[in-house]
All heavy atoms as atom14 arrays in JSON, in Angstrom:
{
  "sequence": "GVVIRPPLRVDFGWNIRVGDRSFANFGLVALDVAPI",
  "atom14_mask": [
    [1, 1, 1, 1, 0, 0, 0, 0, 0, 0, 0, 0, 0, 0],
    [1, 1, 1, 1, 1, 1, 1, 0, 0, 0, 0, 0, 0, 0],
    [1, 1, 1, 1, 1, 1, 1, 0, 0, 0, 0, 0, 0, 0],
    [1, 1, 1, 1, 1, 1, 1, 1, 0, 0, 0, 0, 0, 0],
    [1, 1, 1, 1, 1, 1, 1, 1, 1, 1, 1, 0, 0, 0],
    [1, 1, 1, 1, 1, 1, 1, 0, 0, 0, 0, 0, 0, 0],
    [1, 1, 1, 1, 1, 1, 1, 0, 0, 0, 0, 0, 0, 0],
    [1, 1, 1, 1, 1, 1, 1, 1, 0, 0, 0, 0, 0, 0],
    [1, 1, 1, 1, 1, 1, 1, 1, 1, 1, 1, 0, 0, 0],
    [1, 1, 1, 1, 1, 1, 1, 0, 0, 0, 0, 0, 0, 0],
    [1, 1, 1, 1, 1, 1, 1, 1, 0, 0, 0, 0, 0, 0],
    [1, 1, 1, 1, 1, 1, 1, 1, 1, 1, 1, 0, 0, 0],
    [1, 1, 1, 1, 0, 0, 0, 0, 0, 0, 0, 0, 0, 0],
    [1, 1, 1, 1, 1, 1, 1, 1, 1, 1, 1, 1, 1, 1],
    [1, 1, 1, 1, 1, 1, 1, 1, 0, 0, 0, 0, 0, 0],
    [1, 1, 1, 1, 1, 1, 1, 1, 0, 0, 0, 0, 0, 0],
    [1, 1, 1, 1, 1, 1, 1, 1, 1, 1, 1, 0, 0, 0],
    [1, 1, 1, 1, 1, 1, 1, 0, 0, 0, 0, 0, 0, 0],
    [1, 1, 1, 1, 0, 0, 0, 0, 0, 0, 0, 0, 0, 0],
    [1, 1, 1, 1, 1, 1, 1, 1, 0, 0, 0, 0, 0, 0],
    [1, 1, 1, 1, 1, 1, 1, 1, 1, 1, 1, 0, 0, 0],
    [1, 1, 1, 1, 1, 1, 0, 0, 0, 0, 0, 0, 0, 0],
    [1, 1, 1, 1, 1, 1, 1, 1, 1, 1, 1, 0, 0, 0],
    [1, 1, 1, 1, 1, 0, 0, 0, 0, 0, 0, 0, 0, 0],
    [1, 1, 1, 1, 1, 1, 1, 1, 0, 0, 0, 0, 0, 0],
    [1, 1, 1, 1, 1, 1, 1, 1, 1, 1, 1, 0, 0, 0],
    [1, 1, 1, 1, 0, 0, 0, 0, 0, 0, 0, 0, 0, 0],
    [1, 1, 1, 1, 1, 1, 1, 1, 0, 0, 0, 0, 0, 0],
    [1, 1, 1, 1, 1, 1, 1, 0, 0, 0, 0, 0, 0, 0],
    [1, 1, 1, 1, 1, 0, 0, 0, 0, 0, 0, 0, 0, 0],
    [1, 1, 1, 1, 1, 1, 1, 1, 0, 0, 0, 0, 0, 0],
    [1, 1, 1, 1, 1, 1, 1, 1, 0, 0, 0, 0, 0, 0],
    [1, 1, 1, 1, 1, 1, 1, 0, 0, 0, 0, 0, 0, 0],
    [1, 1, 1, 1, 1, 0, 0, 0, 0, 0, 0, 0, 0, 0],
    [1, 1, 1, 1, 1, 1, 1, 0, 0, 0, 0, 0, 0, 0],
    [1, 1, 1, 1, 1, 1, 1, 1, 0, 0, 0, 0, 0, 0]
  ],
  "atom14_positions": [
    [[71.96, 65.3, -3.51], [70.86, 65.81, -2.72], [69.56, 66.01, -3.47], [68.65, 66.67, -2.97], [0.0, 0.0, 0.0], [0.0, 0.0, 0.0], [0.0, 0.0, 0.0], [0.0, 0.0, 0.0], [0.0, 0.0, 0.0], [0.0, 0.0, 0.0], [0.0, 0.0, 0.0], [0.0, 0.0, 0.0], [0.0, 0.0, 0.0], [0.0, 0.0, 0.0]],
    [[69.43, 65.44, -4.66], [68.2, 65.57, -5.45], [67.12, 64.68, -4.84], [67.37, 63.53, -4.51], [68.44, 65.19, -6.92], [67.13, 65.04, -7.68], [69.34, 66.22, -7.59], [0.0, 0.0, 0.0], [0.0, 0.0, 0.0], [0.0, 0.0, 0.0], [0.0, 0.0, 0.0], [0.0, 0.0, 0.0], [0.0, 0.0, 0.0], [0.0, 0.0, 0.0]],
    [[65.92, 65.24, -4.7], [64.77, 64.49, -4.22], [63.63, 64.68, -5.21], [63.25, 65.82, -5.51], [64.32, 64.95, -2.81], [63.03, 64.27, -2.39], [65.42, 64.73, -1.79], [0.0, 0.0, 0.0], [0.0, 0.0, 0.0], [0.0, 0.0, 0.0], [0.0, 0.0, 0.0], [0.0, 0.0, 0.0], [0.0, 0.0, 0.0], [0.0, 0.0, 0.0]],
    [[63.12, 63.57, -5.72], [61.93, 63.59, -6.59], [60.95, 62.6, -5.98], [61.21, 61.4, -5.95], [62.27, 63.21, -8.05], [63.28, 64.21, -8.63], [60.99, 63.16, -8.88], [63.75, 63.86, -10.03], [0.0, 0.0, 0.0], [0.0, 0.0, 0.0], [0.0, 0.0, 0.0], [0.0, 0.0, 0.0], [0.0, 0.0, 0.0], [0.0, 0.0, 0.0]],
    [[59.84, 63.12, -5.49], [58.84, 62.27, -4.83], [57.97, 61.59, -5.88], [57.46, 62.25, -6.77], [57.99, 63.1, -3.88], [58.84, 63.73, -2.76], [58.03, 64.63, -1.88], [57.34, 63.8, -0.9], [56.52, 64.29, 0.01], [56.26, 65.59, 0.07], [55.93, 63.49, 0.88], [0.0, 0.0, 0.0], [0.0, 0.0, 0.0], [0.0, 0.0, 0.0]],
    [[57.8, 60.27, -5.77], [56.93, 59.56, -6.71], [55.48, 60.02, -6.56], [55.11, 60.48, -5.48], [57.07, 58.09, -6.29], [58.31, 58.02, -5.47], [58.46, 59.37, -4.83], [0.0, 0.0, 0.0], [0.0, 0.0, 0.0], [0.0, 0.0, 0.0], [0.0, 0.0, 0.0], [0.0, 0.0, 0.0], [0.0, 0.0, 0.0], [0.0, 0.0, 0.0]],
    [[54.67, 59.87, -7.59], [55.01, 59.26, -8.87], [55.73, 60.23, -9.8], [55.5, 61.44, -9.76], [53.66, 58.87, -9.44], [52.7, 59.88, -8.88], [53.24, 60.2, -7.51], [0.0, 0.0, 0.0], [0.0, 0.0, 0.0], [0.0, 0.0, 0.0], [0.0, 0.0, 0.0], [0.0, 0.0, 0.0], [0.0, 0.0, 0.0], [0.0, 0.0, 0.0]],
    [[56.59, 59.66, -10.62], [57.34, 60.38, -11.64], [57.0, 59.74, -12.98], [56.96, 58.51, -13.09], [58.84, 60.25, -11.36], [59.8, 60.69, -12.47], [59.67, 62.2, -12.74], [61.24, 60.33, -12.09], [0.0, 0.0, 0.0], [0.0, 0.0, 0.0], [0.0, 0.0, 0.0], [0.0, 0.0, 0.0], [0.0, 0.0, 0.0], [0.0, 0.0, 0.0]],
    [[56.77, 60.57, -14.0], [56.49, 60.08, -15.35], [57.47, 60.72, -16.32], [57.69, 61.94, -16.27], [55.06, 60.44, -15.79], [53.99, 59.86, -14.9], [53.8, 58.39, -15.19], [52.71, 57.86, -14.4], [52.83, 56.8, -13.61], [53.98, 56.18, -13.5], [51.81, 56.36, -12.93], [0.0, 0.0, 0.0], [0.0, 0.0, 0.0], [0.0, 0.0, 0.0]],
    [[58.07, 59.91, -17.19], [59.02, 60.38, -18.19], [58.73, 59.67, -19.51], [58.11, 58.61, -19.53], [60.49, 60.11, -17.77], [60.82, 60.82, -16.46], [60.79, 58.62, -17.67], [0.0, 0.0, 0.0], [0.0, 0.0, 0.0], [0.0, 0.0, 0.0], [0.0, 0.0, 0.0], [0.0, 0.0, 0.0], [0.0, 0.0, 0.0], [0.0, 0.0, 0.0]],
    [[59.22, 60.25, -20.61], [59.18, 59.52, -21.88], [60.34, 58.55, -21.96], [60.16, 57.39, -22.32], [59.25, 60.48, -23.08], [57.89, 60.95, -23.54], [56.92, 60.17, -23.44], [57.8, 62.09, -24.02], [0.0, 0.0, 0.0], [0.0, 0.0, 0.0], [0.0, 0.0, 0.0], [0.0, 0.0, 0.0], [0.0, 0.0, 0.0], [0.0, 0.0, 0.0]],
    [[61.54, 59.01, -21.64], [62.74, 58.19, -21.73], [63.57, 58.22, -20.44], [64.1, 57.22, -20.02], [63.62, 58.62, -22.9], [62.9, 58.57, -24.22], [62.6, 59.72, -24.91], [62.5, 57.35, -24.76], [61.93, 59.67, -26.12], [61.82, 57.29, -25.96], [61.53, 58.46, -26.65], [0.0, 0.0, 0.0], [0.0, 0.0, 0.0], [0.0, 0.0, 0.0]],
    [[63.74, 59.38, -19.85], [64.54, 59.53, -18.64], [65.95, 59.97, -18.93], [66.46, 60.91, -18.32], [0.0, 0.0, 0.0], [0.0, 0.0, 0.0], [0.0, 0.0, 0.0], [0.0, 0.0, 0.0], [0.0, 0.0, 0.0], [0.0, 0.0, 0.0], [0.0, 0.0, 0.0], [0.0, 0.0, 0.0], [0.0, 0.0, 0.0], [0.0, 0.0, 0.0]],
    [[66.61, 59.35, -19.9], [68.01, 59.65, -20.17], [68.22, 61.05, -20.75], [69.35, 61.51, -20.85], [68.64, 58.59, -21.08], [67.84, 58.19, -22.29], [67.11, 57.04, -22.42], [67.7, 58.9, -23.51], [66.52, 57.01, -23.67], [66.86, 58.13, -24.36], [68.19, 60.12, -23.99], [66.52, 58.54, -25.63], [67.82, 60.52, -25.26], [67.01, 59.74, -26.06]],
    [[67.18, 61.75, -21.1], [67.28, 63.09, -21.66], [66.99, 64.17, -20.61], [66.69, 65.31, -20.96], [66.31, 63.22, -22.84], [66.94, 63.83, -24.07], [68.11, 64.21, -24.06], [66.17, 63.93, -25.12], [0.0, 0.0, 0.0], [0.0, 0.0, 0.0], [0.0, 0.0, 0.0], [0.0, 0.0, 0.0], [0.0, 0.0, 0.0], [0.0, 0.0, 0.0]],
    [[67.08, 63.79, -19.32], [66.8, 64.71, -18.21], [68.06, 64.86, -17.37], [68.69, 63.88, -17.0], [65.65, 64.18, -17.32], [64.37, 64.02, -18.14], [65.44, 65.11, -16.12], [63.26, 63.28, -17.41], [0.0, 0.0, 0.0], [0.0, 0.0, 0.0], [0.0, 0.0, 0.0], [0.0, 0.0, 0.0], [0.0, 0.0, 0.0], [0.0, 0.0, 0.0]],
    [[68.4, 66.12, -17.06], [69.54, 66.42, -16.19], [69.03, 67.29, -15.04], [68.35, 68.29, -15.29], [70.64, 67.15, -16.96], [71.07, 66.39, -18.22], [72.11, 67.15, -19.03], [73.38, 67.23, -18.37], [74.27, 66.24, -18.32], [73.99, 65.08, -18.9], [75.42, 66.39, -17.7], [0.0, 0.0, 0.0], [0.0, 0.0, 0.0], [0.0, 0.0, 0.0]],
    [[69.36, 66.9, -13.8], [68.87, 67.62, -12.62], [70.07, 68.03, -11.78], [70.89, 67.2, -11.4], [67.91, 66.74, -11.78], [67.35, 67.53, -10.62], [66.8, 66.17, -12.64], [0.0, 0.0, 0.0], [0.0, 0.0, 0.0], [0.0, 0.0, 0.0], [0.0, 0.0, 0.0], [0.0, 0.0, 0.0], [0.0, 0.0, 0.0], [0.0, 0.0, 0.0]],
    [[70.13, 69.33, -11.42], [71.24, 69.86, -10.64], [71.12, 69.57, -9.15], [70.05, 69.18, -8.65], [0.0, 0.0, 0.0], [0.0, 0.0, 0.0], [0.0, 0.0, 0.0], [0.0, 0.0, 0.0], [0.0, 0.0, 0.0], [0.0, 0.0, 0.0], [0.0, 0.0, 0.0], [0.0, 0.0, 0.0], [0.0, 0.0, 0.0], [0.0, 0.0, 0.0]],
    [[72.22, 69.79, -8.44], [72.32, 69.53, -7.01], [71.17, 70.18, -6.22], [70.75, 71.3, -6.52], [73.64, 70.09, -6.45], [74.86, 69.38, -7.0], [74.75, 68.23, -7.46], [75.95, 69.99, -6.94], [0.0, 0.0, 0.0], [0.0, 0.0, 0.0], [0.0, 0.0, 0.0], [0.0, 0.0, 0.0], [0.0, 0.0, 0.0], [0.0, 0.0, 0.0]],
    [[70.72, 69.44, -5.22], [69.77, 69.91, -4.21], [68.41, 70.32, -4.78], [67.65, 71.02, -4.12], [70.36, 71.07, -3.39], [71.65, 70.71, -2.65], [72.35, 71.91, -2.07], [72.63, 72.95, -3.06], [73.66, 72.92, -3.92], [74.5, 71.92, -3.92], [73.84, 73.91, -4.78], [0.0, 0.0, 0.0], [0.0, 0.0, 0.0], [0.0, 0.0, 0.0]],
    [[68.08, 69.89, -5.95], [66.76, 70.2, -6.51], [65.72, 69.24, -5.94], [66.03, 68.1, -5.59], [66.78, 70.15, -8.03], [67.48, 71.26, -8.53], [0.0, 0.0, 0.0], [0.0, 0.0, 0.0], [0.0, 0.0, 0.0], [0.0, 0.0, 0.0], [0.0, 0.0, 0.0], [0.0, 0.0, 0.0], [0.0, 0.0, 0.0], [0.0, 0.0, 0.0]],
    [[64.49, 69.72, -5.84], [63.4, 68.97, -5.24], [62.18, 69.04, -6.14], [61.8, 70.12, -6.61], [63.04, 69.57, -3.87], [61.79, 68.99, -3.26], [61.84, 67.78, -2.57], [60.58, 69.64, -3.39], [60.68, 67.24, -2.01], [59.42, 69.1, -2.84], [59.48, 67.89, -2.14], [0.0, 0.0, 0.0], [0.0, 0.0, 0.0], [0.0, 0.0, 0.0]],
    [[61.54, 67.89, -6.37], [60.27, 67.85, -7.1], [59.26, 67.1, -6.25], [59.51, 65.98, -5.81], [60.44, 67.17, -8.45], [0.0, 0.0, 0.0], [0.0, 0.0, 0.0], [0.0, 0.0, 0.0], [0.0, 0.0, 0.0], [0.0, 0.0, 0.0], [0.0, 0.0, 0.0], [0.0, 0.0, 0.0], [0.0, 0.0, 0.0], [0.0, 0.0, 0.0]],
    [[58.13, 67.73, -6.01], [57.07, 67.12, -5.23], [56.32, 66.09, -6.09], [56.65, 65.86, -7.24], [56.14, 68.2, -4.68], [55.61, 67.85, -3.31], [55.31, 66.7, -3.02], [55.47, 68.86, -2.46], [0.0, 0.0, 0.0], [0.0, 0.0, 0.0], [0.0, 0.0, 0.0], [0.0, 0.0, 0.0], [0.0, 0.0, 0.0], [0.0, 0.0, 0.0]],
    [[55.28, 65.5, -5.52], [54.52, 64.42, -6.16], [54.05, 64.79, -7.57], [53.61, 65.9, -7.81], [53.28, 64.08, -5.34], [53.56, 63.69, -3.93], [53.21, 64.54, -2.89], [54.19, 62.49, -3.62], [53.45, 64.19, -1.57], [54.44, 62.14, -2.31], [54.08, 63.0, -1.28], [0.0, 0.0, 0.0], [0.0, 0.0, 0.0], [0.0, 0.0, 0.0]],
    [[54.12, 63.82, -8.47], [53.44, 63.93, -9.75], [54.16, 64.68, -10.84], [53.51, 65.16, -11.77], [0.0, 0.0, 0.0], [0.0, 0.0, 0.0], [0.0, 0.0, 0.0], [0.0, 0.0, 0.0], [0.0, 0.0, 0.0], [0.0, 0.0, 0.0], [0.0, 0.0, 0.0], [0.0, 0.0, 0.0], [0.0, 0.0, 0.0], [0.0, 0.0, 0.0]],
    [[55.49, 64.75, -10.8], [56.22, 65.41, -11.88], [56.07, 64.59, -13.17], [56.3, 63.38, -13.19], [57.71, 65.55, -11.54], [58.6, 66.1, -12.64], [58.2, 67.53, -13.03], [60.07, 66.05, -12.23], [0.0, 0.0, 0.0], [0.0, 0.0, 0.0], [0.0, 0.0, 0.0], [0.0, 0.0, 0.0], [0.0, 0.0, 0.0], [0.0, 0.0, 0.0]],
    [[55.69, 65.29, -14.25], [55.67, 64.71, -15.58], [56.73, 65.44, -16.39], [56.63, 66.66, -16.59], [54.28, 64.87, -16.26], [54.32, 64.38, -17.7], [53.22, 64.12, -15.46], [0.0, 0.0, 0.0], [0.0, 0.0, 0.0], [0.0, 0.0, 0.0], [0.0, 0.0, 0.0], [0.0, 0.0, 0.0], [0.0, 0.0, 0.0], [0.0, 0.0, 0.0]],
    [[57.77, 64.71, -16.81], [58.87, 65.31, -17.56], [59.02, 64.54, -18.87], [59.71, 63.52, -18.93], [60.16, 65.26, -16.74], [0.0, 0.0, 0.0], [0.0, 0.0, 0.0], [0.0, 0.0, 0.0], [0.0, 0.0, 0.0], [0.0, 0.0, 0.0], [0.0, 0.0, 0.0], [0.0, 0.0, 0.0], [0.0, 0.0, 0.0], [0.0, 0.0, 0.0]],
    [[58.33, 65.02, -19.9], [58.34, 64.33, -21.19], [59.57, 64.78, -21.97], [59.58, 65.84, -22.58], [57.04, 64.59, -21.95], [55.77, 64.15, -21.22], [54.55, 64.33, -22.12], [55.87, 62.72, -20.71], [0.0, 0.0, 0.0], [0.0, 0.0, 0.0], [0.0, 0.0, 0.0], [0.0, 0.0, 0.0], [0.0, 0.0, 0.0], [0.0, 0.0, 0.0]],
    [[60.59, 63.94, -21.92], [61.93, 64.3, -22.38], [62.28, 63.78, -23.76], [63.33, 63.18, -23.97], [62.97, 63.83, -21.35], [62.96, 62.32, -21.13], [61.87, 61.72, -21.05], [64.05, 61.74, -21.01], [0.0, 0.0, 0.0], [0.0, 0.0, 0.0], [0.0, 0.0, 0.0], [0.0, 0.0, 0.0], [0.0, 0.0, 0.0], [0.0, 0.0, 0.0]],
    [[61.43, 64.05, -24.74], [61.76, 63.72, -26.12], [62.95, 64.58, -26.55], [63.86, 64.11, -27.22], [60.55, 63.92, -27.05], [60.93, 63.73, -28.5], [59.43, 62.95, -26.65], [0.0, 0.0, 0.0], [0.0, 0.0, 0.0], [0.0, 0.0, 0.0], [0.0, 0.0, 0.0], [0.0, 0.0, 0.0], [0.0, 0.0, 0.0], [0.0, 0.0, 0.0]],
    [[62.99, 65.84, -26.13], [64.15, 66.72, -26.25], [64.71, 66.89, -24.83], [64.04, 66.57, -23.85], [63.73, 68.08, -26.83], [0.0, 0.0, 0.0], [0.0, 0.0, 0.0], [0.0, 0.0, 0.0], [0.0, 0.0, 0.0], [0.0, 0.0, 0.0], [0.0, 0.0, 0.0], [0.0, 0.0, 0.0], [0.0, 0.0, 0.0], [0.0, 0.0, 0.0]],
    [[65.94, 67.39, -24.72], [66.54, 67.53, -23.39], [65.74, 68.43, -22.45], [65.19, 69.46, -22.86], [67.91, 68.15, -23.68], [68.22, 67.75, -25.08], [66.88, 67.74, -25.79], [0.0, 0.0, 0.0], [0.0, 0.0, 0.0], [0.0, 0.0, 0.0], [0.0, 0.0, 0.0], [0.0, 0.0, 0.0], [0.0, 0.0, 0.0], [0.0, 0.0, 0.0]],
    [[65.7, 68.01, -21.19], [65.17, 68.83, -20.1], [66.34, 69.02, -19.13], [66.88, 68.05, -18.6], [63.99, 68.16, -19.38], [62.8, 68.0, -20.32], [63.6, 68.95, -18.13], [61.62, 67.22, -19.74], [0.0, 0.0, 0.0], [0.0, 0.0, 0.0], [0.0, 0.0, 0.0], [0.0, 0.0, 0.0], [0.0, 0.0, 0.0], [0.0, 0.0, 0.0]]
  ]
}
């Protein structure tokens, strides 16, 4: 049930973990050099 509305910006992506039913509106920047 995770919803992340584009645009989304990441450094890598694989260092991000998102729990059930979480929602991110437009324009999330998640710079995941370390875990998020």
